[in-house]
Amino acid sequence: MSRIGKQPIPIPSGVTVQISADAVEVTGPRGTLRQPLPPGVLIEMADGQLEAKLQREERGLRKFHGLGRSLVANAVTGVSAGFNKELDIVGIGYRAEVSGQRLTLALGYSHPVVFPIPDGIGVTVDNQTHLVVSGIDRQVVGQVAANIRSLRKPDPYKQKGIRYTGEVLKKKVGKTGA
């Protein structure tokens, strides 16, 4: 059995959970998420907590035990607290601004880059160089942040580009003269 899969999922106040055979629907103060379950994984309510169980002990199903538990735990966290990814824009003249559902970025190209913000995702810009991507679905928040980062990947030598806050850029090791 998976160590992650064995852990119970606490349900915060204000969050309701509906369990069906193939999915779990979680409703909270920030919205509603429907999380499909991997094959062979059941979610059960016990003592005000959710527990992930395997339908049958089979070697091929064990790999989905921790995955199913993590997906449901992320849905519960998302509807109660939400998820954030922070990005920093580094470079002379690089900046960003949000207008409606569009993020406009000046990234050193000859033209501004317009990035459409998907529904359910919020992007805020602090002092033109710090972005915060937020939402209730962890996978979508991470994908949107990765798509924004790919518009100008960070260059470890010039130290320019869009990077995650706290990301350390590694340079390749040079040749040694020995």
N, C-alpha and C. Protein backbone atom coordinates (compact mmCIF):
# COMPACT_ATOMS: atom_id res chain seq x y z
N MET A 1 0.84 -1.19 0.00
CA MET A 1 0.00 0.00 0.00
C MET A 1 0.87 1.24 0.00
N SER A 2 0.35 2.28 -0.54
CA SER A 2 1.06 3.54 -0.65
C SER A 2 1.05 4.29 0.67
N ARG A 3 2.18 4.89 1.02
CA ARG A 3 2.23 5.70 2.24
C ARG A 3 1.34 6.93 2.10
N ILE A 4 1.37 7.54 0.92
CA ILE A 4 0.54 8.72 0.68
C ILE A 4 -0.94 8.30 0.68
N GLY A 5 -1.25 7.19 0.05
CA GLY A 5 -2.63 6.73 -0.05
C GLY A 5 -3.26 6.39 1.29
N LYS A 6 -2.47 6.02 2.27
CA LYS A 6 -2.99 5.66 3.59
C LYS A 6 -3.44 6.88 4.39
N GLN A 7 -2.91 8.06 4.09
CA GLN A 7 -3.20 9.24 4.89
C GLN A 7 -4.64 9.70 4.66
N PRO A 8 -5.35 10.03 5.73
CA PRO A 8 -6.72 10.55 5.56
C PRO A 8 -6.69 12.00 5.06
N ILE A 9 -7.77 12.41 4.42
CA ILE A 9 -7.91 13.77 3.92
C ILE A 9 -8.88 14.51 4.83
N PRO A 10 -8.40 15.50 5.61
CA PRO A 10 -9.32 16.25 6.46
C PRO A 10 -10.19 17.17 5.62
N ILE A 11 -11.45 17.32 6.01
CA ILE A 11 -12.38 18.19 5.29
C ILE A 11 -12.59 19.45 6.12
N PRO A 12 -12.16 20.62 5.60
CA PRO A 12 -12.36 21.86 6.35
C PRO A 12 -13.83 22.24 6.44
N SER A 13 -14.15 23.14 7.36
CA SER A 13 -15.54 23.58 7.49
C SER A 13 -15.92 24.39 6.26
N GLY A 14 -17.15 24.24 5.82
CA GLY A 14 -17.64 24.94 4.64
C GLY A 14 -17.43 24.18 3.35
N VAL A 15 -16.85 22.98 3.43
CA VAL A 15 -16.60 22.17 2.23
C VAL A 15 -17.50 20.94 2.29
N THR A 16 -18.21 20.69 1.19
CA THR A 16 -19.05 19.50 1.09
C THR A 16 -18.51 18.60 -0.01
N VAL A 17 -18.65 17.30 0.20
CA VAL A 17 -18.10 16.31 -0.73
C VAL A 17 -19.21 15.36 -1.13
N GLN A 18 -19.34 15.13 -2.44
CA GLN A 18 -20.26 14.11 -2.96
C GLN A 18 -19.43 13.06 -3.68
N ILE A 19 -19.60 11.82 -3.26
CA ILE A 19 -18.80 10.73 -3.79
C ILE A 19 -19.67 9.88 -4.71
N SER A 20 -19.20 9.66 -5.94
CA SER A 20 -19.86 8.73 -6.85
C SER A 20 -18.86 7.63 -7.19
N ALA A 21 -19.26 6.71 -8.05
CA ALA A 21 -18.42 5.55 -8.34
C ALA A 21 -17.12 5.93 -9.04
N ASP A 22 -17.17 6.92 -9.93
CA ASP A 22 -15.99 7.22 -10.74
C ASP A 22 -15.42 8.62 -10.51
N ALA A 23 -16.02 9.41 -9.63
CA ALA A 23 -15.54 10.78 -9.42
C ALA A 23 -15.94 11.28 -8.03
N VAL A 24 -15.30 12.36 -7.62
CA VAL A 24 -15.62 13.04 -6.37
C VAL A 24 -15.88 14.50 -6.71
N GLU A 25 -17.01 15.02 -6.25
CA GLU A 25 -17.34 16.42 -6.48
C GLU A 25 -17.20 17.17 -5.16
N VAL A 26 -16.35 18.20 -5.17
CA VAL A 26 -16.04 18.95 -3.96
C VAL A 26 -16.53 20.38 -4.16
N THR A 27 -17.32 20.87 -3.19
CA THR A 27 -17.85 22.23 -3.25
C THR A 27 -17.39 22.99 -2.01
N GLY A 28 -16.90 24.20 -2.23
CA GLY A 28 -16.42 25.01 -1.13
C GLY A 28 -16.68 26.48 -1.38
N PRO A 29 -16.13 27.33 -0.54
CA PRO A 29 -16.37 28.77 -0.68
C PRO A 29 -15.80 29.36 -1.97
N ARG A 30 -14.79 28.76 -2.56
CA ARG A 30 -14.19 29.29 -3.78
C ARG A 30 -14.78 28.71 -5.06
N GLY A 31 -15.56 27.63 -4.97
CA GLY A 31 -16.14 27.06 -6.18
C GLY A 31 -16.34 25.56 -6.05
N THR A 32 -16.56 24.93 -7.21
CA THR A 32 -16.82 23.50 -7.27
C THR A 32 -15.84 22.83 -8.21
N LEU A 33 -15.30 21.69 -7.79
CA LEU A 33 -14.42 20.90 -8.63
C LEU A 33 -14.93 19.47 -8.69
N ARG A 34 -14.89 18.89 -9.89
CA ARG A 34 -15.23 17.47 -10.06
C ARG A 34 -13.95 16.75 -10.44
N GLN A 35 -13.51 15.85 -9.58
CA GLN A 35 -12.25 15.15 -9.80
C GLN A 35 -12.51 13.69 -10.16
N PRO A 36 -12.24 13.29 -11.41
CA PRO A 36 -12.37 11.87 -11.77
C PRO A 36 -11.33 11.04 -11.01
N LEU A 37 -11.70 9.82 -10.67
CA LEU A 37 -10.80 8.95 -9.93
C LEU A 37 -10.07 7.99 -10.86
N PRO A 38 -8.82 7.66 -10.54
CA PRO A 38 -8.12 6.66 -11.34
C PRO A 38 -8.77 5.29 -11.19
N PRO A 39 -8.51 4.38 -12.10
CA PRO A 39 -9.14 3.06 -12.01
C PRO A 39 -8.70 2.30 -10.75
N GLY A 40 -9.66 1.64 -10.11
CA GLY A 40 -9.38 0.82 -8.95
C GLY A 40 -9.30 1.55 -7.63
N VAL A 41 -9.57 2.85 -7.60
CA VAL A 41 -9.49 3.62 -6.36
C VAL A 41 -10.89 4.04 -5.93
N LEU A 42 -11.20 3.82 -4.66
CA LEU A 42 -12.46 4.24 -4.06
C LEU A 42 -12.17 5.29 -3.00
N ILE A 43 -13.04 6.26 -2.87
CA ILE A 43 -12.95 7.26 -1.81
C ILE A 43 -14.13 7.03 -0.87
N GLU A 44 -13.85 6.92 0.42
CA GLU A 44 -14.89 6.67 1.41
C GLU A 44 -14.84 7.75 2.49
N MET A 45 -16.01 8.07 3.04
CA MET A 45 -16.11 9.04 4.14
C MET A 45 -16.10 8.27 5.45
N ALA A 46 -15.19 8.66 6.35
CA ALA A 46 -15.11 8.01 7.65
C ALA A 46 -14.68 9.04 8.69
N ASP A 47 -15.48 9.23 9.72
CA ASP A 47 -15.17 10.13 10.84
C ASP A 47 -14.89 11.56 10.37
N GLY A 48 -15.65 12.05 9.41
CA GLY A 48 -15.48 13.41 8.92
C GLY A 48 -14.24 13.61 8.07
N GLN A 49 -13.62 12.50 7.65
CA GLN A 49 -12.45 12.55 6.79
C GLN A 49 -12.65 11.63 5.60
N LEU A 50 -11.92 11.91 4.54
CA LEU A 50 -11.96 11.04 3.36
C LEU A 50 -10.77 10.09 3.40
N GLU A 51 -11.02 8.85 2.96
CA GLU A 51 -9.95 7.86 2.90
C GLU A 51 -9.95 7.22 1.53
N ALA A 52 -8.76 7.01 0.99
CA ALA A 52 -8.61 6.36 -0.31
C ALA A 52 -8.38 4.87 -0.07
N LYS A 53 -9.15 4.05 -0.77
CA LYS A 53 -9.03 2.58 -0.65
C LYS A 53 -8.90 1.99 -2.05
N LEU A 54 -8.27 0.84 -2.13
CA LEU A 54 -8.21 0.11 -3.39
C LEU A 54 -9.41 -0.82 -3.49
N GLN A 55 -9.97 -0.96 -4.70
CA GLN A 55 -11.12 -1.86 -4.88
C GLN A 55 -10.72 -3.30 -4.61
N ARG A 56 -9.54 -3.67 -5.08
CA ARG A 56 -9.04 -5.03 -4.85
C ARG A 56 -7.51 -4.96 -4.81
N GLU A 57 -6.93 -5.87 -4.07
CA GLU A 57 -5.47 -5.90 -3.97
C GLU A 57 -4.91 -6.53 -5.24
N GLU A 58 -4.43 -5.68 -6.11
CA GLU A 58 -3.87 -6.14 -7.37
C GLU A 58 -2.64 -5.29 -7.64
N ARG A 59 -1.57 -5.93 -8.07
CA ARG A 59 -0.31 -5.23 -8.24
C ARG A 59 -0.43 -4.05 -9.21
N GLY A 60 -1.18 -4.18 -10.27
CA GLY A 60 -1.32 -3.11 -11.25
C GLY A 60 -2.11 -1.91 -10.76
N LEU A 61 -2.90 -2.08 -9.70
CA LEU A 61 -3.71 -0.98 -9.18
C LEU A 61 -3.04 -0.19 -8.07
N ARG A 62 -1.99 -0.78 -7.46
CA ARG A 62 -1.36 -0.13 -6.32
C ARG A 62 -0.75 1.23 -6.68
N LYS A 63 -0.32 1.38 -7.92
CA LYS A 63 0.33 2.63 -8.32
C LYS A 63 -0.66 3.80 -8.34
N PHE A 64 -1.97 3.51 -8.41
CA PHE A 64 -2.98 4.56 -8.46
C PHE A 64 -3.48 4.99 -7.09
N HIS A 65 -3.05 4.29 -6.02
CA HIS A 65 -3.58 4.55 -4.68
C HIS A 65 -3.19 5.96 -4.21
N GLY A 66 -1.91 6.27 -4.22
CA GLY A 66 -1.44 7.59 -3.80
C GLY A 66 -1.88 8.69 -4.74
N LEU A 67 -1.95 8.37 -6.05
CA LEU A 67 -2.40 9.35 -7.03
C LEU A 67 -3.84 9.78 -6.76
N GLY A 68 -4.71 8.82 -6.55
CA GLY A 68 -6.12 9.13 -6.30
C GLY A 68 -6.30 9.96 -5.05
N ARG A 69 -5.57 9.63 -3.99
CA ARG A 69 -5.65 10.38 -2.75
C ARG A 69 -5.16 11.81 -2.95
N SER A 70 -4.04 11.98 -3.67
CA SER A 70 -3.48 13.32 -3.90
C SER A 70 -4.39 14.18 -4.74
N LEU A 71 -5.03 13.60 -5.76
CA LEU A 71 -5.94 14.37 -6.61
C LEU A 71 -7.14 14.90 -5.81
N VAL A 72 -7.70 14.06 -4.97
CA VAL A 72 -8.85 14.47 -4.16
C VAL A 72 -8.42 15.49 -3.10
N ALA A 73 -7.25 15.28 -2.49
CA ALA A 73 -6.74 16.24 -1.49
C ALA A 73 -6.50 17.60 -2.13
N ASN A 74 -5.99 17.64 -3.36
CA ASN A 74 -5.77 18.91 -4.05
C ASN A 74 -7.09 19.59 -4.37
N ALA A 75 -8.12 18.82 -4.69
CA ALA A 75 -9.43 19.41 -4.95
C ALA A 75 -10.01 20.03 -3.67
N VAL A 76 -9.86 19.34 -2.54
CA VAL A 76 -10.36 19.86 -1.26
C VAL A 76 -9.61 21.14 -0.88
N THR A 77 -8.29 21.14 -1.05
CA THR A 77 -7.50 22.33 -0.74
C THR A 77 -7.84 23.48 -1.69
N GLY A 78 -8.07 23.16 -2.95
CA GLY A 78 -8.36 24.19 -3.95
C GLY A 78 -9.65 24.93 -3.68
N VAL A 79 -10.72 24.22 -3.33
CA VAL A 79 -12.00 24.89 -3.10
C VAL A 79 -12.04 25.61 -1.76
N SER A 80 -11.14 25.26 -0.83
CA SER A 80 -11.13 25.94 0.46
C SER A 80 -10.11 27.07 0.51
N ALA A 81 -8.89 26.85 0.05
CA ALA A 81 -7.84 27.87 0.15
C ALA A 81 -7.35 28.37 -1.21
N GLY A 82 -7.38 27.53 -2.23
CA GLY A 82 -6.89 27.92 -3.55
C GLY A 82 -5.39 27.69 -3.68
N PHE A 83 -4.89 27.87 -4.89
CA PHE A 83 -3.47 27.67 -5.18
C PHE A 83 -2.91 28.90 -5.86
N ASN A 84 -1.63 29.18 -5.62
CA ASN A 84 -0.94 30.32 -6.22
C ASN A 84 0.38 29.87 -6.80
N LYS A 85 0.78 30.47 -7.90
CA LYS A 85 2.13 30.35 -8.46
C LYS A 85 2.63 31.75 -8.70
N GLU A 86 3.83 32.05 -8.27
CA GLU A 86 4.38 33.38 -8.42
C GLU A 86 5.50 33.36 -9.45
N LEU A 87 5.50 34.36 -10.33
CA LEU A 87 6.50 34.49 -11.37
C LEU A 87 7.15 35.86 -11.27
N ASP A 88 8.43 35.93 -11.59
CA ASP A 88 9.15 37.19 -11.64
C ASP A 88 9.61 37.43 -13.07
N ILE A 89 9.47 38.67 -13.54
CA ILE A 89 9.95 39.05 -14.86
C ILE A 89 11.22 39.86 -14.64
N VAL A 90 12.34 39.38 -15.20
CA VAL A 90 13.63 40.02 -15.00
C VAL A 90 14.19 40.43 -16.36
N GLY A 91 14.53 41.70 -16.50
CA GLY A 91 15.13 42.21 -17.73
C GLY A 91 14.79 43.68 -17.90
N ILE A 92 15.67 44.40 -18.55
CA ILE A 92 15.45 45.83 -18.76
C ILE A 92 14.32 46.02 -19.75
N GLY A 93 13.31 46.77 -19.35
CA GLY A 93 12.17 47.02 -20.21
C GLY A 93 11.12 45.92 -20.21
N TYR A 94 11.34 44.85 -19.48
CA TYR A 94 10.37 43.76 -19.40
C TYR A 94 9.30 44.16 -18.39
N ARG A 95 8.04 44.01 -18.76
CA ARG A 95 6.95 44.36 -17.84
C ARG A 95 5.67 43.66 -18.27
N ALA A 96 4.68 43.72 -17.39
CA ALA A 96 3.40 43.06 -17.66
C ALA A 96 2.27 43.93 -17.15
N GLU A 97 1.10 43.78 -17.77
CA GLU A 97 -0.11 44.44 -17.27
C GLU A 97 -1.31 43.58 -17.66
N VAL A 98 -2.33 43.65 -16.81
CA VAL A 98 -3.56 42.88 -17.02
C VAL A 98 -4.67 43.85 -17.37
N SER A 99 -5.42 43.52 -18.43
CA SER A 99 -6.61 44.30 -18.78
C SER A 99 -7.70 43.30 -19.16
N GLY A 100 -8.69 43.17 -18.28
CA GLY A 100 -9.76 42.20 -18.52
C GLY A 100 -9.22 40.78 -18.39
N GLN A 101 -9.46 39.98 -19.42
CA GLN A 101 -8.99 38.59 -19.45
C GLN A 101 -7.77 38.45 -20.35
N ARG A 102 -6.95 39.50 -20.43
CA ARG A 102 -5.76 39.48 -21.26
C ARG A 102 -4.56 39.97 -20.46
N LEU A 103 -3.46 39.25 -20.60
CA LEU A 103 -2.20 39.63 -19.99
C LEU A 103 -1.29 40.11 -21.11
N THR A 104 -0.85 41.36 -21.03
CA THR A 104 0.02 41.92 -22.06
C THR A 104 1.43 42.03 -21.49
N LEU A 105 2.39 41.42 -22.20
CA LEU A 105 3.76 41.36 -21.72
C LEU A 105 4.70 42.03 -22.71
N ALA A 106 5.61 42.84 -22.22
CA ALA A 106 6.70 43.39 -23.03
C ALA A 106 7.94 42.61 -22.63
N LEU A 107 8.46 41.76 -23.54
CA LEU A 107 9.53 40.83 -23.20
C LEU A 107 10.76 40.99 -24.08
N GLY A 108 10.95 42.18 -24.64
CA GLY A 108 12.13 42.40 -25.45
C GLY A 108 11.94 42.05 -26.91
N TYR A 109 10.75 41.61 -27.28
CA TYR A 109 10.46 41.35 -28.69
C TYR A 109 10.06 42.66 -29.36
N SER A 110 9.90 42.64 -30.68
CA SER A 110 9.52 43.86 -31.39
C SER A 110 8.04 44.20 -31.20
N HIS A 111 7.31 43.32 -30.58
CA HIS A 111 5.87 43.51 -30.39
C HIS A 111 5.49 43.04 -28.99
N PRO A 112 4.40 43.58 -28.43
CA PRO A 112 3.93 43.07 -27.14
C PRO A 112 3.30 41.69 -27.31
N VAL A 113 3.47 40.85 -26.31
CA VAL A 113 2.91 39.50 -26.33
C VAL A 113 1.61 39.53 -25.54
N VAL A 114 0.51 39.08 -26.17
CA VAL A 114 -0.79 39.06 -25.51
C VAL A 114 -1.11 37.61 -25.16
N PHE A 115 -1.36 37.37 -23.87
CA PHE A 115 -1.67 36.03 -23.38
C PHE A 115 -3.09 36.03 -22.85
N PRO A 116 -4.00 35.22 -23.45
CA PRO A 116 -5.37 35.17 -22.94
C PRO A 116 -5.42 34.36 -21.62
N ILE A 117 -6.07 34.92 -20.63
CA ILE A 117 -6.19 34.27 -19.33
C ILE A 117 -7.41 33.35 -19.36
N PRO A 118 -7.24 32.04 -19.07
CA PRO A 118 -8.37 31.12 -19.10
C PRO A 118 -9.39 31.42 -18.01
N ASP A 119 -10.62 30.93 -18.20
CA ASP A 119 -11.66 31.08 -17.19
C ASP A 119 -11.27 30.33 -15.92
N GLY A 120 -11.60 30.90 -14.78
CA GLY A 120 -11.31 30.27 -13.50
C GLY A 120 -9.91 30.57 -12.98
N ILE A 121 -9.11 31.31 -13.74
CA ILE A 121 -7.76 31.65 -13.34
C ILE A 121 -7.66 33.15 -13.17
N GLY A 122 -7.03 33.58 -12.10
CA GLY A 122 -6.80 35.00 -11.87
C GLY A 122 -5.32 35.32 -11.95
N VAL A 123 -4.98 36.40 -12.62
CA VAL A 123 -3.59 36.83 -12.71
C VAL A 123 -3.52 38.27 -12.20
N THR A 124 -2.68 38.50 -11.21
CA THR A 124 -2.48 39.86 -10.71
C THR A 124 -1.02 40.24 -10.94
N VAL A 125 -0.80 41.52 -11.21
CA VAL A 125 0.54 42.04 -11.47
C VAL A 125 0.89 43.05 -10.39
N ASP A 126 2.01 42.81 -9.71
CA ASP A 126 2.53 43.76 -8.72
C ASP A 126 3.74 44.44 -9.33
N ASN A 127 3.82 45.72 -9.23
CA ASN A 127 4.91 46.59 -9.71
C ASN A 127 5.48 46.17 -11.07
N GLN A 128 4.65 45.74 -11.97
CA GLN A 128 4.93 45.43 -13.37
C GLN A 128 5.88 44.26 -13.61
N THR A 129 6.51 43.71 -12.58
CA THR A 129 7.45 42.62 -12.81
C THR A 129 7.19 41.38 -11.96
N HIS A 130 6.13 41.38 -11.17
CA HIS A 130 5.82 40.23 -10.33
C HIS A 130 4.39 39.79 -10.63
N LEU A 131 4.24 38.54 -11.10
CA LEU A 131 2.92 37.99 -11.44
C LEU A 131 2.52 36.96 -10.40
N VAL A 132 1.23 36.93 -10.09
CA VAL A 132 0.68 35.90 -9.22
C VAL A 132 -0.47 35.25 -9.98
N VAL A 133 -0.32 33.95 -10.29
CA VAL A 133 -1.35 33.18 -10.96
C VAL A 133 -2.09 32.41 -9.88
N SER A 134 -3.43 32.56 -9.80
CA SER A 134 -4.19 31.90 -8.74
C SER A 134 -5.44 31.25 -9.31
N GLY A 135 -5.91 30.22 -8.61
CA GLY A 135 -7.12 29.51 -9.02
C GLY A 135 -7.40 28.37 -8.06
N ILE A 136 -8.46 27.60 -8.37
CA ILE A 136 -8.83 26.50 -7.48
C ILE A 136 -8.30 25.15 -7.97
N ASP A 137 -7.97 25.03 -9.25
CA ASP A 137 -7.48 23.77 -9.80
C ASP A 137 -5.96 23.83 -9.90
N ARG A 138 -5.29 23.01 -9.12
CA ARG A 138 -3.83 23.05 -9.04
C ARG A 138 -3.17 22.77 -10.39
N GLN A 139 -3.72 21.82 -11.14
CA GLN A 139 -3.13 21.47 -12.42
C GLN A 139 -3.23 22.61 -13.42
N VAL A 140 -4.35 23.29 -13.46
CA VAL A 140 -4.55 24.40 -14.40
C VAL A 140 -3.68 25.59 -14.01
N VAL A 141 -3.57 25.88 -12.71
CA VAL A 141 -2.72 26.98 -12.25
C VAL A 141 -1.27 26.73 -12.66
N GLY A 142 -0.79 25.52 -12.44
CA GLY A 142 0.58 25.19 -12.81
C GLY A 142 0.81 25.25 -14.31
N GLN A 143 -0.18 24.80 -15.10
CA GLN A 143 -0.03 24.82 -16.56
C GLN A 143 -0.03 26.24 -17.09
N VAL A 144 -0.90 27.10 -16.57
CA VAL A 144 -0.93 28.50 -17.01
C VAL A 144 0.38 29.19 -16.65
N ALA A 145 0.91 28.94 -15.45
CA ALA A 145 2.19 29.54 -15.05
C ALA A 145 3.31 29.04 -15.96
N ALA A 146 3.29 27.76 -16.32
CA ALA A 146 4.32 27.22 -17.22
C ALA A 146 4.20 27.81 -18.62
N ASN A 147 2.96 28.05 -19.08
CA ASN A 147 2.77 28.65 -20.41
C ASN A 147 3.27 30.10 -20.43
N ILE A 148 3.02 30.84 -19.35
CA ILE A 148 3.52 32.22 -19.27
C ILE A 148 5.04 32.21 -19.23
N ARG A 149 5.62 31.30 -18.47
CA ARG A 149 7.08 31.19 -18.36
C ARG A 149 7.72 30.85 -19.70
N SER A 150 7.03 30.05 -20.52
CA SER A 150 7.60 29.63 -21.79
C SER A 150 7.64 30.75 -22.83
N LEU A 151 6.96 31.87 -22.56
CA LEU A 151 7.00 32.98 -23.49
C LEU A 151 8.40 33.61 -23.56
N ARG A 152 9.15 33.58 -22.46
CA ARG A 152 10.54 34.02 -22.44
C ARG A 152 11.22 33.25 -21.32
N LYS A 153 11.76 32.07 -21.67
CA LYS A 153 12.39 31.23 -20.66
C LYS A 153 13.60 31.94 -20.05
N PRO A 154 13.88 31.67 -18.78
CA PRO A 154 15.00 32.35 -18.14
C PRO A 154 16.34 31.90 -18.73
N ASP A 155 17.20 32.86 -18.98
CA ASP A 155 18.54 32.59 -19.50
C ASP A 155 19.51 32.64 -18.32
N PRO A 156 20.20 31.54 -18.02
CA PRO A 156 21.07 31.54 -16.85
C PRO A 156 22.30 32.44 -17.00
N TYR A 157 22.69 32.76 -18.22
CA TYR A 157 23.89 33.57 -18.42
C TYR A 157 23.59 35.06 -18.38
N LYS A 158 22.51 35.50 -19.00
CA LYS A 158 22.14 36.91 -18.97
C LYS A 158 21.24 37.25 -17.79
N GLN A 159 20.73 36.23 -17.10
CA GLN A 159 19.83 36.40 -15.96
C GLN A 159 18.56 37.15 -16.33
N LYS A 160 18.06 36.93 -17.55
CA LYS A 160 16.85 37.60 -18.02
C LYS A 160 15.78 36.55 -18.31
N GLY A 161 14.53 37.00 -18.32
CA GLY A 161 13.43 36.12 -18.67
C GLY A 161 12.38 36.06 -17.57
N ILE A 162 11.44 35.12 -17.73
CA ILE A 162 10.38 34.91 -16.74
C ILE A 162 10.73 33.66 -15.96
N ARG A 163 10.80 33.80 -14.64
CA ARG A 163 11.14 32.65 -13.80
C ARG A 163 10.18 32.58 -12.61
N TYR A 164 10.09 31.39 -12.03
CA TYR A 164 9.31 31.23 -10.82
C TYR A 164 10.03 31.96 -9.69
N THR A 165 9.26 32.51 -8.76
CA THR A 165 9.86 33.21 -7.62
C THR A 165 10.67 32.20 -6.81
N GLY A 166 11.92 32.53 -6.57
CA GLY A 166 12.79 31.64 -5.81
C GLY A 166 13.54 30.63 -6.67
N GLU A 167 13.30 30.60 -7.97
CA GLU A 167 13.97 29.64 -8.85
C GLU A 167 15.44 30.01 -8.99
N VAL A 168 16.31 29.03 -8.85
CA VAL A 168 17.75 29.25 -8.99
C VAL A 168 18.16 28.73 -10.36
N LEU A 169 18.78 29.59 -11.15
CA LEU A 169 19.22 29.20 -12.50
C LEU A 169 20.63 28.64 -12.41
N LYS A 170 20.83 27.44 -12.96
CA LYS A 170 22.14 26.80 -12.90
C LYS A 170 22.84 26.99 -14.23
N LYS A 171 24.11 27.34 -14.13
CA LYS A 171 24.94 27.45 -15.32
C LYS A 171 25.66 26.13 -15.51
N LYS A 172 26.00 25.85 -16.76
CA LYS A 172 26.76 24.63 -17.02
C LYS A 172 28.17 24.82 -16.53
N VAL A 173 28.81 23.72 -16.16
CA VAL A 173 30.17 23.77 -15.67
C VAL A 173 31.09 23.96 -16.87
N GLY A 174 32.00 24.92 -16.76
CA GLY A 174 32.92 25.20 -17.86
C GLY A 174 34.06 24.19 -17.91
N LYS A 175 34.88 24.30 -18.94
CA LYS A 175 36.00 23.41 -19.09
C LYS A 175 37.08 23.77 -18.06
N THR A 176 37.73 22.78 -17.60
CA THR A 176 38.84 23.02 -16.66
C THR A 176 40.14 22.97 -17.41
N GLY A 177 41.08 23.79 -17.05
CA GLY A 177 42.36 23.87 -17.75
C GLY A 177 43.38 22.88 -17.22
N ALA A 178 42.97 21.93 -16.41
CA ALA A 178 43.93 21.01 -15.79
C ALA A 178 44.29 19.87 -16.70
